[in-house]
PDB file of all heavy atoms in Angstrom:
ATOM      1  N   ALA A   1     -10.757  23.029  28.405  1.00  0.00           N
ATOM      2  CA  ALA A   1      -9.835  23.937  29.086  1.00  0.00           C
ATOM      3  C   ALA A   1      -8.621  23.207  29.647  1.00  0.00           C
ATOM      4  O   ALA A   1      -7.673  23.841  30.111  1.00  0.00           O
ATOM      5  CB  ALA A   1     -10.559  24.670  30.222  1.00  0.00           C
ATOM      6  N   SER A   2      -8.660  21.874  29.623  1.00  0.00           N
ATOM      7  CA  SER A   2      -7.540  21.101  30.163  1.00  0.00           C
ATOM      8  C   SER A   2      -6.345  21.182  29.218  1.00  0.00           C
ATOM      9  O   SER A   2      -6.487  21.412  28.014  1.00  0.00           O
ATOM     10  CB  SER A   2      -7.946  19.641  30.359  1.00  0.00           C
ATOM     11  OG  SER A   2      -8.267  19.057  29.109  1.00  0.00           O
ATOM     12  N   VAL A   3      -5.186  20.977  29.775  1.00  0.00           N
ATOM     13  CA  VAL A   3      -3.936  21.065  29.003  1.00  0.00           C
ATOM     14  C   VAL A   3      -3.287  19.685  28.926  1.00  0.00           C
ATOM     15  O   VAL A   3      -3.025  19.056  29.952  1.00  0.00           O
ATOM     16  CB  VAL A   3      -2.959  22.071  29.650  1.00  0.00           C
ATOM     17  CG1 VAL A   3      -1.657  22.129  28.856  1.00  0.00           C
ATOM     18  CG2 VAL A   3      -3.603  23.447  29.748  1.00  0.00           C
ATOM     19  N   ASN A   4      -3.078  19.215  27.706  1.00  0.00           N
ATOM     20  CA  ASN A   4      -2.393  17.936  27.468  1.00  0.00           C
ATOM     21  C   ASN A   4      -3.109  16.743  28.110  1.00  0.00           C
ATOM     22  O   ASN A   4      -2.468  15.792  28.557  1.00  0.00           O
ATOM     23  CB  ASN A   4      -0.941  17.999  27.958  1.00  0.00           C
ATOM     24  CG  ASN A   4      -0.136  19.057  27.243  1.00  0.00           C
ATOM     25  OD1 ASN A   4      -0.302  19.283  26.046  1.00  0.00           O
ATOM     26  ND2 ASN A   4       0.741  19.737  27.976  1.00  0.00           N
ATOM     27  N   LYS A   5      -4.423  16.805  28.160  1.00  0.00           N
ATOM     28  CA  LYS A   5      -5.206  15.687  28.669  1.00  0.00           C
ATOM     29  C   LYS A   5      -6.327  15.388  27.690  1.00  0.00           C
ATOM     30  O   LYS A   5      -6.951  16.296  27.149  1.00  0.00           O
ATOM     31  CB  LYS A   5      -5.772  15.994  30.053  1.00  0.00           C
ATOM     32  CG  LYS A   5      -4.708  16.120  31.138  1.00  0.00           C
ATOM     33  CD  LYS A   5      -5.330  16.279  32.513  1.00  0.00           C
ATOM     34  CE  LYS A   5      -4.268  16.294  33.605  1.00  0.00           C
ATOM     35  NZ  LYS A   5      -4.858  16.369  34.963  1.00  0.00           N
ATOM     36  N   LYS A   6      -6.614  14.097  27.498  1.00  0.00           N
ATOM     37  CA  LYS A   6      -7.607  13.704  26.499  1.00  0.00           C
ATOM     38  C   LYS A   6      -8.435  12.507  26.944  1.00  0.00           C
ATOM     39  O   LYS A   6      -8.836  11.673  26.134  1.00  0.00           O
ATOM     40  CB  LYS A   6      -6.910  13.380  25.165  1.00  0.00           C
ATOM     41  CG  LYS A   6      -6.554  14.581  24.316  1.00  0.00           C
ATOM     42  CD  LYS A   6      -7.782  15.144  23.617  1.00  0.00           C
ATOM     43  CE  LYS A   6      -7.408  16.212  22.605  1.00  0.00           C
ATOM     44  NZ  LYS A   6      -8.587  16.702  21.868  1.00  0.00           N
ATOM     45  N   HIS A   7      -8.727  12.426  28.250  1.00  0.00           N
ATOM     46  CA  HIS A   7      -9.479  11.278  28.758  1.00  0.00           C
ATOM     47  C   HIS A   7     -10.519  11.752  29.755  1.00  0.00           C
ATOM     48  O   HIS A   7     -10.237  12.597  30.614  1.00  0.00           O
ATOM     49  CB  HIS A   7      -8.533  10.279  29.437  1.00  0.00           C
ATOM     50  CG  HIS A   7      -9.235   9.102  30.057  1.00  0.00           C
ATOM     51  ND1 HIS A   7      -9.044   8.714  31.367  1.00  0.00           N
ATOM     52  CD2 HIS A   7     -10.142   8.213  29.550  1.00  0.00           C
ATOM     53  CE1 HIS A   7      -9.785   7.652  31.633  1.00  0.00           C
ATOM     54  NE2 HIS A   7     -10.466   7.328  30.556  1.00  0.00           N
ATOM     55  N   ILE A   8     -11.740  11.234  29.631  1.00  0.00           N
ATOM     56  CA  ILE A   8     -12.818  11.571  30.564  1.00  0.00           C
ATOM     57  C   ILE A   8     -13.489  10.286  31.037  1.00  0.00           C
ATOM     58  O   ILE A   8     -13.435   9.254  30.363  1.00  0.00           O
ATOM     59  CB  ILE A   8     -13.866  12.499  29.918  1.00  0.00           C
ATOM     60  CG1 ILE A   8     -14.386  11.923  28.605  1.00  0.00           C
ATOM     61  CG2 ILE A   8     -13.301  13.896  29.718  1.00  0.00           C
ATOM     62  CD1 ILE A   8     -15.515  12.712  27.988  1.00  0.00           C
ATOM     63  N   ILE A   9     -14.118  10.376  32.206  1.00  0.00           N
ATOM     64  CA  ILE A   9     -14.777   9.220  32.812  1.00  0.00           C
ATOM     65  C   ILE A   9     -16.207   9.599  33.190  1.00  0.00           C
ATOM     66  O   ILE A   9     -16.448  10.679  33.739  1.00  0.00           O
ATOM     67  CB  ILE A   9     -14.033   8.761  34.079  1.00  0.00           C
ATOM     68  CG1 ILE A   9     -12.606   8.313  33.742  1.00  0.00           C
ATOM     69  CG2 ILE A   9     -14.788   7.629  34.776  1.00  0.00           C
ATOM     70  CD1 ILE A   9     -11.768   7.978  34.967  1.00  0.00           C
ATOM     71  N   THR A  10     -17.142   8.715  32.901  1.00  0.00           N
ATOM     72  CA  THR A  10     -18.525   8.891  33.343  1.00  0.00           C
ATOM     73  C   THR A  10     -19.080   7.517  33.716  1.00  0.00           C
ATOM     74  O   THR A  10     -18.332   6.534  33.775  1.00  0.00           O
ATOM     75  CB  THR A  10     -19.373   9.587  32.265  1.00  0.00           C
ATOM     76  OG1 THR A  10     -20.626   9.970  32.816  1.00  0.00           O
ATOM     77  CG2 THR A  10     -19.600   8.695  31.052  1.00  0.00           C
ATOM     78  N   SER A  11     -20.385   7.444  34.006  1.00  0.00           N
ATOM     79  CA  SER A  11     -20.968   6.156  34.395  1.00  0.00           C
ATOM     80  C   SER A  11     -22.010   5.699  33.378  1.00  0.00           C
ATOM     81  O   SER A  11     -22.486   6.486  32.555  1.00  0.00           O
ATOM     82  CB  SER A  11     -21.604   6.256  35.786  1.00  0.00           C
ATOM     83  OG  SER A  11     -22.924   6.748  35.706  1.00  0.00           O
ATOM     84  N   ALA A  12     -22.389   4.438  33.503  1.00  0.00           N
ATOM     85  CA  ALA A  12     -23.323   3.836  32.548  1.00  0.00           C
ATOM     86  C   ALA A  12     -24.761   4.264  32.767  1.00  0.00           C
ATOM     87  O   ALA A  12     -25.621   3.949  31.939  1.00  0.00           O
ATOM     88  CB  ALA A  12     -23.233   2.312  32.635  1.00  0.00           C
ATOM     89  N   ILE A  13     -25.051   4.982  33.855  1.00  0.00           N
ATOM     90  CA  ILE A  13     -26.447   5.341  34.138  1.00  0.00           C
ATOM     91  C   ILE A  13     -26.679   6.848  34.094  1.00  0.00           C
ATOM     92  O   ILE A  13     -27.642   7.353  34.669  1.00  0.00           O
ATOM     93  CB  ILE A  13     -26.904   4.774  35.502  1.00  0.00           C
ATOM     94  CG1 ILE A  13     -26.035   5.313  36.644  1.00  0.00           C
ATOM     95  CG2 ILE A  13     -26.896   3.256  35.473  1.00  0.00           C
ATOM     96  CD1 ILE A  13     -26.587   4.983  38.023  1.00  0.00           C
ATOM     97  N   GLU A  14     -25.809   7.569  33.402  1.00  0.00           N
ATOM     98  CA  GLU A  14     -25.975   9.012  33.330  1.00  0.00           C
ATOM     99  C   GLU A  14     -27.154   9.412  32.447  1.00  0.00           C
ATOM    100  O   GLU A  14     -27.543   8.684  31.523  1.00  0.00           O
ATOM    101  CB  GLU A  14     -24.700   9.677  32.784  1.00  0.00           C
ATOM    102  CG  GLU A  14     -23.480   9.468  33.652  1.00  0.00           C
ATOM    103  CD  GLU A  14     -23.631  10.050  35.044  1.00  0.00           C
ATOM    104  OE1 GLU A  14     -24.107  11.205  35.164  1.00  0.00           O
ATOM    105  OE2 GLU A  14     -23.258   9.359  36.016  1.00  0.00           O
ATOM    106  N   HIS A  15     -27.692  10.578  32.714  1.00  0.00           N
ATOM    107  CA  HIS A  15     -28.730  11.174  31.870  1.00  0.00           C
ATOM    108  C   HIS A  15     -28.121  11.506  30.509  1.00  0.00           C
ATOM    109  O   HIS A  15     -26.920  11.780  30.412  1.00  0.00           O
ATOM    110  CB  HIS A  15     -29.239  12.454  32.553  1.00  0.00           C
ATOM    111  CG  HIS A  15     -30.466  13.037  31.935  1.00  0.00           C
ATOM    112  ND1 HIS A  15     -30.425  13.837  30.811  1.00  0.00           N
ATOM    113  CD2 HIS A  15     -31.776  12.956  32.286  1.00  0.00           C
ATOM    114  CE1 HIS A  15     -31.650  14.221  30.505  1.00  0.00           C
ATOM    115  NE2 HIS A  15     -32.493  13.694  31.374  1.00  0.00           N
ATOM    116  N   PRO A  16     -28.919  11.482  29.435  1.00  0.00           N
ATOM    117  CA  PRO A  16     -28.384  11.850  28.122  1.00  0.00           C
ATOM    118  C   PRO A  16     -27.717  13.220  28.095  1.00  0.00           C
ATOM    119  O   PRO A  16     -26.811  13.454  27.275  1.00  0.00           O
ATOM    120  CB  PRO A  16     -29.630  11.826  27.223  1.00  0.00           C
ATOM    121  CG  PRO A  16     -30.542  10.849  27.874  1.00  0.00           C
ATOM    122  CD  PRO A  16     -30.326  11.011  29.346  1.00  0.00           C
ATOM    123  N   ALA A  17     -28.140  14.126  28.975  1.00  0.00           N
ATOM    124  CA  ALA A  17     -27.537  15.462  29.009  1.00  0.00           C
ATOM    125  C   ALA A  17     -26.093  15.424  29.463  1.00  0.00           C
ATOM    126  O   ALA A  17     -25.353  16.398  29.271  1.00  0.00           O
ATOM    127  CB  ALA A  17     -28.341  16.381  29.933  1.00  0.00           C
ATOM    128  N   VAL A  18     -25.672  14.318  30.062  1.00  0.00           N
ATOM    129  CA  VAL A  18     -24.261  14.101  30.401  1.00  0.00           C
ATOM    130  C   VAL A  18     -23.609  13.177  29.385  1.00  0.00           C
ATOM    131  O   VAL A  18     -22.509  13.445  28.883  1.00  0.00           O
ATOM    132  CB  VAL A  18     -24.120  13.524  31.821  1.00  0.00           C
ATOM    133  CG1 VAL A  18     -22.720  12.939  32.059  1.00  0.00           C
ATOM    134  CG2 VAL A  18     -24.404  14.594  32.860  1.00  0.00           C
ATOM    135  N   MET A  19     -24.280  12.095  29.064  1.00  0.00           N
ATOM    136  CA  MET A  19     -23.677  11.113  28.170  1.00  0.00           C
ATOM    137  C   MET A  19     -23.408  11.672  26.777  1.00  0.00           C
ATOM    138  O   MET A  19     -22.349  11.408  26.179  1.00  0.00           O
ATOM    139  CB  MET A  19     -24.585   9.877  28.067  1.00  0.00           C
ATOM    140  CG  MET A  19     -23.961   8.724  27.295  1.00  0.00           C
ATOM    141  SD  MET A  19     -22.418   8.127  28.020  1.00  0.00           S
ATOM    142  CE  MET A  19     -23.048   7.322  29.499  1.00  0.00           C
ATOM    143  N   GLN A  20     -24.327  12.459  26.252  1.00  0.00           N
ATOM    144  CA  GLN A  20     -24.143  12.966  24.894  1.00  0.00           C
ATOM    145  C   GLN A  20     -22.973  13.951  24.763  1.00  0.00           C
ATOM    146  O   GLN A  20     -22.219  13.869  23.793  1.00  0.00           O
ATOM    147  CB  GLN A  20     -25.448  13.587  24.382  1.00  0.00           C
ATOM    148  CG  GLN A  20     -26.546  12.569  24.100  1.00  0.00           C
ATOM    149  CD  GLN A  20     -26.115  11.521  23.091  1.00  0.00           C
ATOM    150  OE1 GLN A  20     -25.480  11.828  22.082  1.00  0.00           O
ATOM    151  NE2 GLN A  20     -26.441  10.269  23.368  1.00  0.00           N
ATOM    152  N   PRO A  21     -22.769  14.892  25.702  1.00  0.00           N
ATOM    153  CA  PRO A  21     -21.553  15.712  25.626  1.00  0.00           C
ATOM    154  C   PRO A  21     -20.278  14.875  25.729  1.00  0.00           C
ATOM    155  O   PRO A  21     -19.275  15.170  25.064  1.00  0.00           O
ATOM    156  CB  PRO A  21     -21.687  16.666  26.811  1.00  0.00           C
ATOM    157  CG  PRO A  21     -23.145  16.747  27.072  1.00  0.00           C
ATOM    158  CD  PRO A  21     -23.691  15.383  26.733  1.00  0.00           C
ATOM    159  N   CYS A  22     -20.314  13.808  26.550  1.00  0.00           N
ATOM    160  CA  CYS A  22     -19.155  12.922  26.644  1.00  0.00           C
ATOM    161  C   CYS A  22     -18.897  12.226  25.309  1.00  0.00           C
ATOM    162  O   CYS A  22     -17.748  12.100  24.860  1.00  0.00           O
ATOM    163  CB  CYS A  22     -19.362  11.893  27.749  1.00  0.00           C
ATOM    164  SG  CYS A  22     -19.299  12.557  29.418  1.00  0.00           S
ATOM    165  N   LEU A  23     -19.966  11.773  24.670  1.00  0.00           N
ATOM    166  CA  LEU A  23     -19.818  11.126  23.368  1.00  0.00           C
ATOM    167  C   LEU A  23     -19.344  12.113  22.305  1.00  0.00           C
ATOM    168  O   LEU A  23     -18.608  11.742  21.382  1.00  0.00           O
ATOM    169  CB  LEU A  23     -21.139  10.487  22.951  1.00  0.00           C
ATOM    170  CG  LEU A  23     -21.580   9.281  23.794  1.00  0.00           C
ATOM    171  CD1 LEU A  23     -22.981   8.831  23.402  1.00  0.00           C
ATOM    172  CD2 LEU A  23     -20.591   8.128  23.643  1.00  0.00           C
ATOM    173  N   GLN A  24     -19.738  13.391  22.441  1.00  0.00           N
ATOM    174  CA  GLN A  24     -19.254  14.395  21.505  1.00  0.00           C
ATOM    175  C   GLN A  24     -17.744  14.570  21.648  1.00  0.00           C
ATOM    176  O   GLN A  24     -17.025  14.681  20.650  1.00  0.00           O
ATOM    177  CB  GLN A  24     -19.967  15.732  21.747  1.00  0.00           C
ATOM    178  CG  GLN A  24     -19.455  16.888  20.882  1.00  0.00           C
ATOM    179  CD  GLN A  24     -19.546  16.606  19.394  1.00  0.00           C
ATOM    180  OE1 GLN A  24     -20.459  15.922  18.930  1.00  0.00           O
ATOM    181  NE2 GLN A  24     -18.593  17.136  18.631  1.00  0.00           N
ATOM    182  N   LEU A  25     -17.270  14.600  22.881  1.00  0.00           N
ATOM    183  CA  LEU A  25     -15.822  14.680  23.089  1.00  0.00           C
ATOM    184  C   LEU A  25     -15.121  13.463  22.499  1.00  0.00           C
ATOM    185  O   LEU A  25     -14.035  13.578  21.919  1.00  0.00           O
ATOM    186  CB  LEU A  25     -15.504  14.807  24.578  1.00  0.00           C
ATOM    187  CG  LEU A  25     -15.834  16.163  25.207  1.00  0.00           C
ATOM    188  CD1 LEU A  25     -15.672  16.088  26.716  1.00  0.00           C
ATOM    189  CD2 LEU A  25     -14.937  17.266  24.641  1.00  0.00           C
TER     190      LEU A  25
END
């Protein structure tokens, strides 16, 4: 839903339910 943005930040200890959507992006 963001406009003209293409960067996200997460941490190295996230659950796969967070890390995998980030990797999909």
